[in-house]
Full PDB file with SEQRES, HELIX, SHEET, SSBOND, CRYST1, ORIGX, SCALE, CONECT and MASTER records, all heavy atoms in Angstrom:
SEQRES   1 A   38  ASP LEU VAL GLY GLY VAL THR GLY TRP GLN LEU HIS ARG          
SEQRES   2 A   38  ASP GLY LEU PHE LEU ASP CYS HIS GLU SER PHE THR VAL          
SEQRES   3 A   38  HIS PHE ASP ARG ASP VAL GLU ALA ALA MET ASP TRP              
HELIX    1 AA1 VAL A    3  GLY A    5  5                                   3    
HELIX    2 AA2 PHE A   28  ASP A   37  1                                  10    
SHEET    1 AA1 2 GLY A   8  ARG A  13  0                                        
SHEET    2 AA1 2 LEU A  16  GLU A  22 -1                                        
CRYST1    1.000    1.000    1.000  90.00  90.00  90.00 P 1           1          
ORIGX1      1.000000  0.000000  0.000000        0.00000                         
ORIGX2      0.000000  1.000000  0.000000        0.00000                         
ORIGX3      0.000000  0.000000  1.000000        0.00000                         
SCALE1      1.000000  0.000000  0.000000        0.00000                         
SCALE2      0.000000  1.000000  0.000000        0.00000                         
SCALE3      0.000000  0.000000  1.000000        0.00000                         
ATOM      1  N   ASP A   1      -1.176  -6.644  -4.799  1.00  0.00           N  
ATOM      2  CA  ASP A   1      -1.422  -7.924  -4.143  1.00  0.00           C  
ATOM      3  C   ASP A   1      -0.099  -8.367  -3.544  1.00  0.00           C  
ATOM      4  O   ASP A   1       0.869  -8.614  -4.266  1.00  0.00           O  
ATOM      5  CB  ASP A   1      -1.928  -8.967  -5.147  1.00  0.00           C  
ATOM      6  CG  ASP A   1      -3.321  -8.644  -5.645  1.00  0.00           C  
ATOM      7  OD1 ASP A   1      -4.129  -8.154  -4.833  1.00  0.00           O  
ATOM      8  OD2 ASP A   1      -3.587  -8.871  -6.831  1.00  0.00           O  
ATOM      9  N   LEU A   2      -0.058  -8.441  -2.229  1.00  0.00           N  
ATOM     10  CA  LEU A   2       1.157  -8.841  -1.536  1.00  0.00           C  
ATOM     11  C   LEU A   2       1.156 -10.360  -1.347  1.00  0.00           C  
ATOM     12  O   LEU A   2       0.248 -11.049  -1.785  1.00  0.00           O  
ATOM     13  CB  LEU A   2       1.243  -8.110  -0.199  1.00  0.00           C  
ATOM     14  CG  LEU A   2       1.126  -6.580  -0.271  1.00  0.00           C  
ATOM     15  CD1 LEU A   2       1.160  -5.981   1.125  1.00  0.00           C  
ATOM     16  CD2 LEU A   2       2.218  -5.993  -1.150  1.00  0.00           C  
ATOM     17  N   VAL A   3       2.132 -10.891  -0.694  1.00  0.00           N  
ATOM     18  CA  VAL A   3       2.274 -12.330  -0.473  1.00  0.00           C  
ATOM     19  C   VAL A   3       1.063 -12.909   0.246  1.00  0.00           C  
ATOM     20  O   VAL A   3       0.518 -12.283   1.158  1.00  0.00           O  
ATOM     21  CB  VAL A   3       3.563 -12.601   0.341  1.00  0.00           C  
ATOM     22  CG1 VAL A   3       3.709 -14.070   0.666  1.00  0.00           C  
ATOM     23  CG2 VAL A   3       4.782 -12.102  -0.403  1.00  0.00           C  
ATOM     24  N   GLY A   4       0.623 -14.085  -0.168  1.00  0.00           N  
ATOM     25  CA  GLY A   4      -0.460 -14.790   0.513  1.00  0.00           C  
ATOM     26  C   GLY A   4      -1.835 -14.207   0.276  1.00  0.00           C  
ATOM     27  O   GLY A   4      -2.727 -14.380   1.099  1.00  0.00           O  
ATOM     28  N   GLY A   5      -2.023 -13.495  -0.825  1.00  0.00           N  
ATOM     29  CA  GLY A   5      -3.332 -12.940  -1.134  1.00  0.00           C  
ATOM     30  C   GLY A   5      -3.700 -11.713  -0.317  1.00  0.00           C  
ATOM     31  O   GLY A   5      -4.845 -11.276  -0.329  1.00  0.00           O  
ATOM     32  N   VAL A   6      -2.750 -11.134   0.389  1.00  0.00           N  
ATOM     33  CA  VAL A   6      -2.979  -9.930   1.183  1.00  0.00           C  
ATOM     34  C   VAL A   6      -2.896  -8.716   0.266  1.00  0.00           C  
ATOM     35  O   VAL A   6      -1.978  -8.599  -0.542  1.00  0.00           O  
ATOM     36  CB  VAL A   6      -1.927  -9.816   2.313  1.00  0.00           C  
ATOM     37  CG1 VAL A   6      -2.064  -8.505   3.067  1.00  0.00           C  
ATOM     38  CG2 VAL A   6      -2.033 -10.997   3.257  1.00  0.00           C  
ATOM     39  N   THR A   7      -3.872  -7.810   0.386  1.00  0.00           N  
ATOM     40  CA  THR A   7      -3.813  -6.589  -0.404  1.00  0.00           C  
ATOM     41  C   THR A   7      -3.072  -5.510   0.368  1.00  0.00           C  
ATOM     42  O   THR A   7      -3.043  -5.519   1.598  1.00  0.00           O  
ATOM     43  CB  THR A   7      -5.219  -6.083  -0.771  1.00  0.00           C  
ATOM     44  OG1 THR A   7      -5.949  -5.849   0.415  1.00  0.00           O  
ATOM     45  CG2 THR A   7      -5.946  -7.081  -1.652  1.00  0.00           C  
ATOM     46  N   GLY A   8      -2.475  -4.603  -0.375  1.00  0.00           N  
ATOM     47  CA  GLY A   8      -1.722  -3.545   0.279  1.00  0.00           C  
ATOM     48  C   GLY A   8      -1.244  -2.518  -0.709  1.00  0.00           C  
ATOM     49  O   GLY A   8      -1.862  -2.301  -1.760  1.00  0.00           O  
ATOM     50  N   TRP A   9      -0.122  -1.904  -0.375  1.00  0.00           N  
ATOM     51  CA  TRP A   9       0.432  -0.791  -1.144  1.00  0.00           C  
ATOM     52  C   TRP A   9       1.920  -0.997  -1.367  1.00  0.00           C  
ATOM     53  O   TRP A   9       2.613  -1.507  -0.500  1.00  0.00           O  
ATOM     54  CB  TRP A   9       0.224   0.518  -0.386  1.00  0.00           C  
ATOM     55  CG  TRP A   9      -1.211   0.847  -0.248  1.00  0.00           C  
ATOM     56  CD1 TRP A   9      -2.048   0.490   0.779  1.00  0.00           C  
ATOM     57  CD2 TRP A   9      -2.012   1.548  -1.187  1.00  0.00           C  
ATOM     58  NE1 TRP A   9      -3.307   0.939   0.530  1.00  0.00           N  
ATOM     59  CE2 TRP A   9      -3.317   1.590  -0.664  1.00  0.00           C  
ATOM     60  CE3 TRP A   9      -1.758   2.149  -2.408  1.00  0.00           C  
ATOM     61  CZ2 TRP A   9      -4.358   2.222  -1.337  1.00  0.00           C  
ATOM     62  CZ3 TRP A   9      -2.795   2.769  -3.080  1.00  0.00           C  
ATOM     63  CH2 TRP A   9      -4.080   2.813  -2.528  1.00  0.00           C  
ATOM     64  N   GLN A  10       2.390  -0.570  -2.532  1.00  0.00           N  
ATOM     65  CA  GLN A  10       3.816  -0.545  -2.822  1.00  0.00           C  
ATOM     66  C   GLN A  10       4.231   0.881  -3.125  1.00  0.00           C  
ATOM     67  O   GLN A  10       3.496   1.625  -3.774  1.00  0.00           O  
ATOM     68  CB  GLN A  10       4.163  -1.421  -4.022  1.00  0.00           C  
ATOM     69  CG  GLN A  10       4.069  -2.889  -3.739  1.00  0.00           C  
ATOM     70  CD  GLN A  10       4.585  -3.732  -4.902  1.00  0.00           C  
ATOM     71  OE1 GLN A  10       4.798  -3.248  -6.007  1.00  0.00           O  
ATOM     72  NE2 GLN A  10       4.781  -5.003  -4.639  1.00  0.00           N  
ATOM     73  N   LEU A  11       5.426   1.239  -2.659  1.00  0.00           N  
ATOM     74  CA  LEU A  11       5.985   2.563  -2.900  1.00  0.00           C  
ATOM     75  C   LEU A  11       7.283   2.398  -3.680  1.00  0.00           C  
ATOM     76  O   LEU A  11       8.149   1.604  -3.293  1.00  0.00           O  
ATOM     77  CB  LEU A  11       6.248   3.280  -1.571  1.00  0.00           C  
ATOM     78  CG  LEU A  11       6.879   4.662  -1.662  1.00  0.00           C  
ATOM     79  CD1 LEU A  11       5.947   5.647  -2.387  1.00  0.00           C  
ATOM     80  CD2 LEU A  11       7.224   5.181  -0.269  1.00  0.00           C  
ATOM     81  N   HIS A  12       7.398   3.121  -4.794  1.00  0.00           N  
ATOM     82  CA  HIS A  12       8.589   3.108  -5.629  1.00  0.00           C  
ATOM     83  C   HIS A  12       9.099   4.526  -5.823  1.00  0.00           C  
ATOM     84  O   HIS A  12       8.323   5.478  -5.794  1.00  0.00           O  
ATOM     85  CB  HIS A  12       8.272   2.527  -7.018  1.00  0.00           C  
ATOM     86  CG  HIS A  12       7.921   1.082  -6.989  1.00  0.00           C  
ATOM     87  ND1 HIS A  12       6.664   0.634  -6.678  1.00  0.00           N  
ATOM     88  CD2 HIS A  12       8.665  -0.017  -7.235  1.00  0.00           C  
ATOM     89  CE1 HIS A  12       6.643  -0.682  -6.735  1.00  0.00           C  
ATOM     90  NE2 HIS A  12       7.846  -1.101  -7.072  1.00  0.00           N  
ATOM     91  N   ARG A  13      10.405   4.659  -6.032  1.00  0.00           N  
ATOM     92  CA  ARG A  13      11.000   5.937  -6.417  1.00  0.00           C  
ATOM     93  C   ARG A  13      11.852   5.704  -7.658  1.00  0.00           C  
ATOM     94  O   ARG A  13      12.729   4.846  -7.650  1.00  0.00           O  
ATOM     95  CB  ARG A  13      11.874   6.512  -5.317  1.00  0.00           C  
ATOM     96  CG  ARG A  13      12.388   7.905  -5.688  1.00  0.00           C  
ATOM     97  CD  ARG A  13      13.262   8.487  -4.631  1.00  0.00           C  
ATOM     98  NE  ARG A  13      14.626   8.006  -4.885  1.00  0.00           N  
ATOM     99  CZ  ARG A  13      15.615   8.098  -4.020  1.00  0.00           C  
ATOM    100  NH1 ARG A  13      15.407   8.602  -2.828  1.00  0.00           N  
ATOM    101  NH2 ARG A  13      16.808   7.672  -4.330  1.00  0.00           N  
ATOM    102  N   ASP A  14      11.570   6.447  -8.694  1.00  0.00           N  
ATOM    103  CA  ASP A  14      12.290   6.307  -9.962  1.00  0.00           C  
ATOM    104  C   ASP A  14      12.325   4.857 -10.427  1.00  0.00           C  
ATOM    105  O   ASP A  14      13.337   4.372 -10.924  1.00  0.00           O  
ATOM    106  CB  ASP A  14      13.722   6.850  -9.842  1.00  0.00           C  
ATOM    107  CG  ASP A  14      13.755   8.347  -9.590  1.00  0.00           C  
ATOM    108  OD1 ASP A  14      12.821   9.051 -10.048  1.00  0.00           O  
ATOM    109  OD2 ASP A  14      14.694   8.817  -8.939  1.00  0.00           O  
ATOM    110  N   GLY A  15      11.225   4.139 -10.223  1.00  0.00           N  
ATOM    111  CA  GLY A  15      11.118   2.760 -10.672  1.00  0.00           C  
ATOM    112  C   GLY A  15      11.736   1.735  -9.744  1.00  0.00           C  
ATOM    113  O   GLY A  15      11.644   0.534  -9.999  1.00  0.00           O  
ATOM    114  N   LEU A  16      12.349   2.167  -8.658  1.00  0.00           N  
ATOM    115  CA  LEU A  16      12.971   1.247  -7.705  1.00  0.00           C  
ATOM    116  C   LEU A  16      12.070   1.058  -6.491  1.00  0.00           C  
ATOM    117  O   LEU A  16      11.563   2.034  -5.920  1.00  0.00           O  
ATOM    118  CB  LEU A  16      14.333   1.783  -7.257  1.00  0.00           C  
ATOM    119  CG  LEU A  16      15.366   1.968  -8.362  1.00  0.00           C  
ATOM    120  CD1 LEU A  16      16.616   2.638  -7.805  1.00  0.00           C  
ATOM    121  CD2 LEU A  16      15.710   0.642  -9.013  1.00  0.00           C  
ATOM    122  N   PHE A  17      11.876  -0.184  -6.080  1.00  0.00           N  
ATOM    123  CA  PHE A  17      11.033  -0.521  -4.932  1.00  0.00           C  
ATOM    124  C   PHE A  17      11.615   0.074  -3.662  1.00  0.00           C  
ATOM    125  O   PHE A  17      12.810  -0.064  -3.393  1.00  0.00           O  
ATOM    126  CB  PHE A  17      10.942  -2.045  -4.812  1.00  0.00           C  
ATOM    127  CG  PHE A  17      10.202  -2.506  -3.596  1.00  0.00           C  
ATOM    128  CD1 PHE A  17       8.823  -2.509  -3.571  1.00  0.00           C  
ATOM    129  CD2 PHE A  17      10.892  -2.920  -2.474  1.00  0.00           C  
ATOM    130  CE1 PHE A  17       8.132  -2.929  -2.448  1.00  0.00           C  
ATOM    131  CE2 PHE A  17      10.211  -3.348  -1.352  1.00  0.00           C  
ATOM    132  CZ  PHE A  17       8.829  -3.352  -1.337  1.00  0.00           C  
ATOM    133  N   LEU A  18      10.768   0.745  -2.875  1.00  0.00           N  
ATOM    134  CA  LEU A  18      11.176   1.275  -1.574  1.00  0.00           C  
ATOM    135  C   LEU A  18      10.612   0.457  -0.423  1.00  0.00           C  
ATOM    136  O   LEU A  18      11.331   0.099   0.499  1.00  0.00           O  
ATOM    137  CB  LEU A  18      10.745   2.731  -1.413  1.00  0.00           C  
ATOM    138  CG  LEU A  18      11.441   3.764  -2.281  1.00  0.00           C  
ATOM    139  CD1 LEU A  18      10.848   5.149  -2.040  1.00  0.00           C  
ATOM    140  CD2 LEU A  18      12.934   3.773  -2.009  1.00  0.00           C  
ATOM    141  N   ASP A  19       9.294   0.203  -0.457  1.00  0.00           N  
ATOM    142  CA  ASP A  19       8.658  -0.475   0.674  1.00  0.00           C  
ATOM    143  C   ASP A  19       7.248  -0.902   0.291  1.00  0.00           C  
ATOM    144  O   ASP A  19       6.709  -0.456  -0.725  1.00  0.00           O  
ATOM    145  CB  ASP A  19       8.589   0.468   1.873  1.00  0.00           C  
ATOM    146  CG  ASP A  19       8.531  -0.252   3.214  1.00  0.00           C  
ATOM    147  OD1 ASP A  19       8.355  -1.502   3.233  1.00  0.00           O  
ATOM    148  OD2 ASP A  19       8.660   0.416   4.246  1.00  0.00           O  
ATOM    149  N   CYS A  20       6.661  -1.759   1.125  1.00  0.00           N  
ATOM    150  CA  CYS A  20       5.259  -2.133   0.947  1.00  0.00           C  
ATOM    151  C   CYS A  20       4.598  -2.218   2.315  1.00  0.00           C  
ATOM    152  O   CYS A  20       5.274  -2.313   3.343  1.00  0.00           O  
ATOM    153  CB  CYS A  20       5.126  -3.453   0.185  1.00  0.00           C  
ATOM    154  SG  CYS A  20       5.803  -4.883   1.028  1.00  0.00           S  
ATOM    155  N   HIS A  21       3.274  -2.164   2.312  1.00  0.00           N  
ATOM    156  CA  HIS A  21       2.508  -2.200   3.563  1.00  0.00           C  
ATOM    157  C   HIS A  21       1.148  -2.803   3.268  1.00  0.00           C  
ATOM    158  O   HIS A  21       0.565  -2.553   2.221  1.00  0.00           O  
ATOM    159  CB  HIS A  21       2.328  -0.776   4.104  1.00  0.00           C  
ATOM    160  CG  HIS A  21       1.917  -0.719   5.536  1.00  0.00           C  
ATOM    161  ND1 HIS A  21       0.654  -1.071   5.957  1.00  0.00           N  
ATOM    162  CD2 HIS A  21       2.601  -0.358   6.630  1.00  0.00           C  
ATOM    163  CE1 HIS A  21       0.582  -0.920   7.265  1.00  0.00           C  
ATOM    164  NE2 HIS A  21       1.757  -0.485   7.696  1.00  0.00           N  
ATOM    165  N   GLU A  22       0.639  -3.592   4.211  1.00  0.00           N  
ATOM    166  CA  GLU A  22      -0.714  -4.121   4.070  1.00  0.00           C  
ATOM    167  C   GLU A  22      -1.720  -2.978   4.059  1.00  0.00           C  
ATOM    168  O   GLU A  22      -1.445  -1.891   4.556  1.00  0.00           O  
ATOM    169  CB  GLU A  22      -1.037  -5.046   5.248  1.00  0.00           C  
ATOM    170  CG  GLU A  22      -0.287  -6.341   5.237  1.00  0.00           C  
ATOM    171  CD  GLU A  22      -0.698  -7.250   6.390  1.00  0.00           C  
ATOM    172  OE1 GLU A  22      -1.803  -7.076   6.939  1.00  0.00           O  
ATOM    173  OE2 GLU A  22       0.095  -8.128   6.736  1.00  0.00           O  
ATOM    174  N   SER A  23      -2.904  -3.253   3.505  1.00  0.00           N  
ATOM    175  CA  SER A  23      -3.981  -2.257   3.510  1.00  0.00           C  
ATOM    176  C   SER A  23      -4.248  -1.796   4.930  1.00  0.00           C  
ATOM    177  O   SER A  23      -4.079  -2.554   5.885  1.00  0.00           O  
ATOM    178  CB  SER A  23      -5.250  -2.846   2.903  1.00  0.00           C  
ATOM    179  OG  SER A  23      -5.065  -3.096   1.532  1.00  0.00           O  
ATOM    180  N   PHE A  24      -4.675  -0.567   5.056  1.00  0.00           N  
ATOM    181  CA  PHE A  24      -4.924   0.024   6.360  1.00  0.00           C  
ATOM    182  C   PHE A  24      -6.379  -0.143   6.796  1.00  0.00           C  
ATOM    183  O   PHE A  24      -6.669  -0.235   7.974  1.00  0.00           O  
ATOM    184  CB  PHE A  24      -4.553   1.508   6.342  1.00  0.00           C  
ATOM    185  CG  PHE A  24      -3.094   1.744   6.078  1.00  0.00           C  
ATOM    186  CD1 PHE A  24      -2.623   1.886   4.786  1.00  0.00           C  
ATOM    187  CD2 PHE A  24      -2.191   1.807   7.125  1.00  0.00           C  
ATOM    188  CE1 PHE A  24      -1.276   2.099   4.533  1.00  0.00           C  
ATOM    189  CE2 PHE A  24      -0.841   2.008   6.890  1.00  0.00           C  
ATOM    190  CZ  PHE A  24      -0.386   2.145   5.592  1.00  0.00           C  
ATOM    191  N   THR A  25      -7.306  -0.148   5.843  1.00  0.00           N  
ATOM    192  CA  THR A  25      -8.727  -0.250   6.142  1.00  0.00           C  
ATOM    193  C   THR A  25      -9.444  -0.856   4.938  1.00  0.00           C  
ATOM    194  O   THR A  25      -8.913  -0.874   3.836  1.00  0.00           O  
ATOM    195  CB  THR A  25      -9.333   1.135   6.479  1.00  0.00           C  
ATOM    196  OG1 THR A  25     -10.735   1.014   6.663  1.00  0.00           O  
ATOM    197  CG2 THR A  25      -9.074   2.143   5.398  1.00  0.00           C  
ATOM    198  N   VAL A  26     -10.649  -1.338   5.145  1.00  0.00           N  
ATOM    199  CA  VAL A  26     -11.418  -1.926   4.040  1.00  0.00           C  
ATOM    200  C   VAL A  26     -12.095  -0.861   3.181  1.00  0.00           C  
ATOM    201  O   VAL A  26     -12.564  -1.159   2.096  1.00  0.00           O  
ATOM    202  CB  VAL A  26     -12.484  -2.927   4.553  1.00  0.00           C  
ATOM    203  CG1 VAL A  26     -11.808  -4.100   5.245  1.00  0.00           C  
ATOM    204  CG2 VAL A  26     -13.472  -2.250   5.472  1.00  0.00           C  
ATOM    205  N   HIS A  27     -12.133   0.370   3.643  1.00  0.00           N  
ATOM    206  CA  HIS A  27     -12.752   1.475   2.903  1.00  0.00           C  
ATOM    207  C   HIS A  27     -11.693   2.107   2.007  1.00  0.00           C  
ATOM    208  O   HIS A  27     -10.784   2.777   2.488  1.00  0.00           O  
ATOM    209  CB  HIS A  27     -13.344   2.511   3.856  1.00  0.00           C  
ATOM    210  CG  HIS A  27     -14.351   1.920   4.782  1.00  0.00           C  
ATOM    211  ND1 HIS A  27     -15.601   1.537   4.370  1.00  0.00           N  
ATOM    212  CD2 HIS A  27     -14.264   1.613   6.096  1.00  0.00           C  
ATOM    213  CE1 HIS A  27     -16.260   1.025   5.395  1.00  0.00           C  
ATOM    214  NE2 HIS A  27     -15.473   1.054   6.449  1.00  0.00           N  
ATOM    215  N   PHE A  28     -11.817   1.921   0.689  1.00  0.00           N  
ATOM    216  CA  PHE A  28     -10.749   2.289  -0.240  1.00  0.00           C  
ATOM    217  C   PHE A  28     -10.342   3.754  -0.143  1.00  0.00           C  
ATOM    218  O   PHE A  28      -9.149   4.057  -0.113  1.00  0.00           O  
ATOM    219  CB  PHE A  28     -11.132   1.937  -1.685  1.00  0.00           C  
ATOM    220  CG  PHE A  28      -9.997   2.108  -2.646  1.00  0.00           C  
ATOM    221  CD1 PHE A  28      -8.944   1.212  -2.653  1.00  0.00           C  
ATOM    222  CD2 PHE A  28      -9.975   3.175  -3.517  1.00  0.00           C  
ATOM    223  CE1 PHE A  28      -7.880   1.368  -3.527  1.00  0.00           C  
ATOM    224  CE2 PHE A  28      -8.921   3.343  -4.404  1.00  0.00           C  
ATOM    225  CZ  PHE A  28      -7.874   2.435  -4.405  1.00  0.00           C  
ATOM    226  N   ASP A  29     -11.292   4.682  -0.082  1.00  0.00           N  
ATOM    227  CA  ASP A  29     -10.938   6.104  -0.020  1.00  0.00           C  
ATOM    228  C   ASP A  29     -10.097   6.417   1.217  1.00  0.00           C  
ATOM    229  O   ASP A  29      -9.109   7.143   1.139  1.00  0.00           O  
ATOM    230  CB  ASP A  29     -12.177   6.995  -0.038  1.00  0.00           C  
ATOM    231  CG  ASP A  29     -12.862   6.990  -1.398  1.00  0.00           C  
ATOM    232  OD1 ASP A  29     -12.236   6.584  -2.388  1.00  0.00           O  
ATOM    233  OD2 ASP A  29     -14.037   7.397  -1.462  1.00  0.00           O  
ATOM    234  N   ARG A  30     -10.482   5.861   2.347  1.00  0.00           N  
ATOM    235  CA  ARG A  30      -9.708   6.077   3.579  1.00  0.00           C  
ATOM    236  C   ARG A  30      -8.367   5.356   3.507  1.00  0.00           C  
ATOM    237  O   ARG A  30      -7.368   5.835   4.043  1.00  0.00           O  
ATOM    238  CB  ARG A  30     -10.495   5.620   4.805  1.00  0.00           C  
ATOM    239  CG  ARG A  30     -11.542   6.645   5.196  1.00  0.00           C  
ATOM    240  CD  ARG A  30     -12.149   6.307   6.514  1.00  0.00           C  
ATOM    241  NE  ARG A  30     -13.489   5.785   6.209  1.00  0.00           N  
ATOM    242  CZ  ARG A  30     -14.247   5.132   7.053  1.00  0.00           C  
ATOM    243  NH1 ARG A  30     -13.826   4.888   8.262  1.00  0.00           N  
ATOM    244  NH2 ARG A  30     -15.424   4.713   6.695  1.00  0.00           N  
ATOM    245  N   ASP A  31      -8.349   4.212   2.832  1.00  0.00           N  
ATOM    246  CA  ASP A  31      -7.110   3.460   2.683  1.00  0.00           C  
ATOM    247  C   ASP A  31      -6.106   4.233   1.834  1.00  0.00           C  
ATOM    248  O   ASP A  31      -4.910   4.251   2.135  1.00  0.00           O  
ATOM    249  CB  ASP A  31      -7.395   2.086   2.069  1.00  0.00           C  
ATOM    250  CG  ASP A  31      -6.292   1.089   2.350  1.00  0.00           C  
ATOM    251  OD1 ASP A  31      -5.860   0.990   3.518  1.00  0.00           O  
ATOM    252  OD2 ASP A  31      -5.853   0.413   1.400  1.00  0.00           O  
ATOM    253  N   VAL A  32      -6.580   4.891   0.784  1.00  0.00           N  
ATOM    254  CA  VAL A  32      -5.698   5.702  -0.058  1.00  0.00           C  
ATOM    255  C   VAL A  32      -5.072   6.812   0.783  1.00  0.00           C  
ATOM    256  O   VAL A  32      -3.855   7.039   0.721  1.00  0.00           O  
ATOM    257  CB  VAL A  32      -6.469   6.306  -1.265  1.00  0.00           C  
ATOM    258  CG1 VAL A  32      -5.617   7.336  -1.990  1.00  0.00           C  
ATOM    259  CG2 VAL A  32      -6.924   5.216  -2.214  1.00  0.00           C  
ATOM    260  N   GLU A  33      -5.877   7.496   1.575  1.00  0.00           N  
ATOM    261  CA  GLU A  33      -5.358   8.572   2.428  1.00  0.00           C  
ATOM    262  C   GLU A  33      -4.329   8.042   3.423  1.00  0.00           C  
ATOM    263  O   GLU A  33      -3.277   8.665   3.621  1.00  0.00           O  
ATOM    264  CB  GLU A  33      -6.496   9.259   3.163  1.00  0.00           C  
ATOM    265  CG  GLU A  33      -7.393  10.075   2.259  1.00  0.00           C  
ATOM    266  CD  GLU A  33      -8.554  10.712   3.000  1.00  0.00           C  
ATOM    267  OE1 GLU A  33      -8.475  10.859   4.239  1.00  0.00           O  
ATOM    268  OE2 GLU A  33      -9.537  11.074   2.331  1.00  0.00           O  
ATOM    269  N   ALA A  34      -4.611   6.911   4.045  1.00  0.00           N  
ATOM    270  CA  ALA A  34      -3.679   6.323   5.004  1.00  0.00           C  
ATOM    271  C   ALA A  34      -2.386   5.889   4.299  1.00  0.00           C  
ATOM    272  O   ALA A  34      -1.289   6.058   4.843  1.00  0.00           O  
ATOM    273  CB  ALA A  34      -4.326   5.135   5.710  1.00  0.00           C  
ATOM    274  N   ALA A  35      -2.517   5.347   3.087  1.00  0.00           N  
ATOM    275  CA  ALA A  35      -1.334   4.932   2.331  1.00  0.00           C  
ATOM    276  C   ALA A  35      -0.467   6.138   1.972  1.00  0.00           C  
ATOM    277  O   ALA A  35       0.770   6.062   2.023  1.00  0.00           O  
ATOM    278  CB  ALA A  35      -1.749   4.174   1.080  1.00  0.00           C  
ATOM    279  N   MET A  36      -1.091   7.250   1.615  1.00  0.00           N  
ATOM    280  CA  MET A  36      -0.332   8.464   1.315  1.00  0.00           C  
ATOM    281  C   MET A  36       0.411   8.958   2.552  1.00  0.00           C  
ATOM    282  O   MET A  36       1.580   9.345   2.476  1.00  0.00           O  
ATOM    283  CB  MET A  36      -1.252   9.555   0.780  1.00  0.00           C  
ATOM    284  CG  MET A  36      -1.738   9.294  -0.605  1.00  0.00           C  
ATOM    285  SD  MET A  36      -2.881  10.601  -1.107  1.00  0.00           S  
ATOM    286  CE  MET A  36      -3.455   9.945  -2.659  1.00  0.00           C  
ATOM    287  N   ASP A  37      -0.254   8.934   3.706  1.00  0.00           N  
ATOM    288  CA  ASP A  37       0.399   9.336   4.955  1.00  0.00           C  
ATOM    289  C   ASP A  37       1.594   8.427   5.244  1.00  0.00           C  
ATOM    290  O   ASP A  37       2.671   8.903   5.627  1.00  0.00           O  
ATOM    291  CB  ASP A  37      -0.581   9.281   6.129  1.00  0.00           C  
ATOM    292  CG  ASP A  37      -1.613  10.395   6.087  1.00  0.00           C  
ATOM    293  OD1 ASP A  37      -1.400  11.394   5.361  1.00  0.00           O  
ATOM    294  OD2 ASP A  37      -2.644  10.256   6.774  1.00  0.00           O  
ATOM    295  N   TRP A  38       1.407   7.114   5.068  1.00  0.00           N  
ATOM    296  CA  TRP A  38       2.488   6.151   5.287  1.00  0.00           C  
ATOM    297  C   TRP A  38       3.648   6.431   4.327  1.00  0.00           C  
ATOM    298  O   TRP A  38       4.811   6.477   4.740  1.00  0.00           O  
ATOM    299  CB  TRP A  38       1.945   4.725   5.092  1.00  0.00           C  
ATOM    300  CG  TRP A  38       3.004   3.707   4.896  1.00  0.00           C  
ATOM    301  CD1 TRP A  38       3.798   3.152   5.861  1.00  0.00           C  
ATOM    302  CD2 TRP A  38       3.410   3.117   3.660  1.00  0.00           C  
ATOM    303  NE1 TRP A  38       4.672   2.256   5.291  1.00  0.00           N  
ATOM    304  CE2 TRP A  38       4.446   2.220   3.948  1.00  0.00           C  
ATOM    305  CE3 TRP A  38       2.990   3.262   2.345  1.00  0.00           C  
ATOM    306  CZ2 TRP A  38       5.071   1.458   2.948  1.00  0.00           C  
ATOM    307  CZ3 TRP A  38       3.605   2.519   1.357  1.00  0.00           C  
ATOM    308  CH2 TRP A  38       4.626   1.628   1.661  1.00  0.00           C  
TER     309      TRP A  38                                                      
MASTER        0    0    0    2    2    0    0    6  308    1    0    3          
END                                                                             
């Protein structure tokens, strides 16, 4: 859950925050694939 109730993704490496991005699509399976690509 990102700022303002926006859903998205967080990426960490070794427990340290790298980046975040809003959800790519409302379809969770496709969103997971898009998040992995990102």
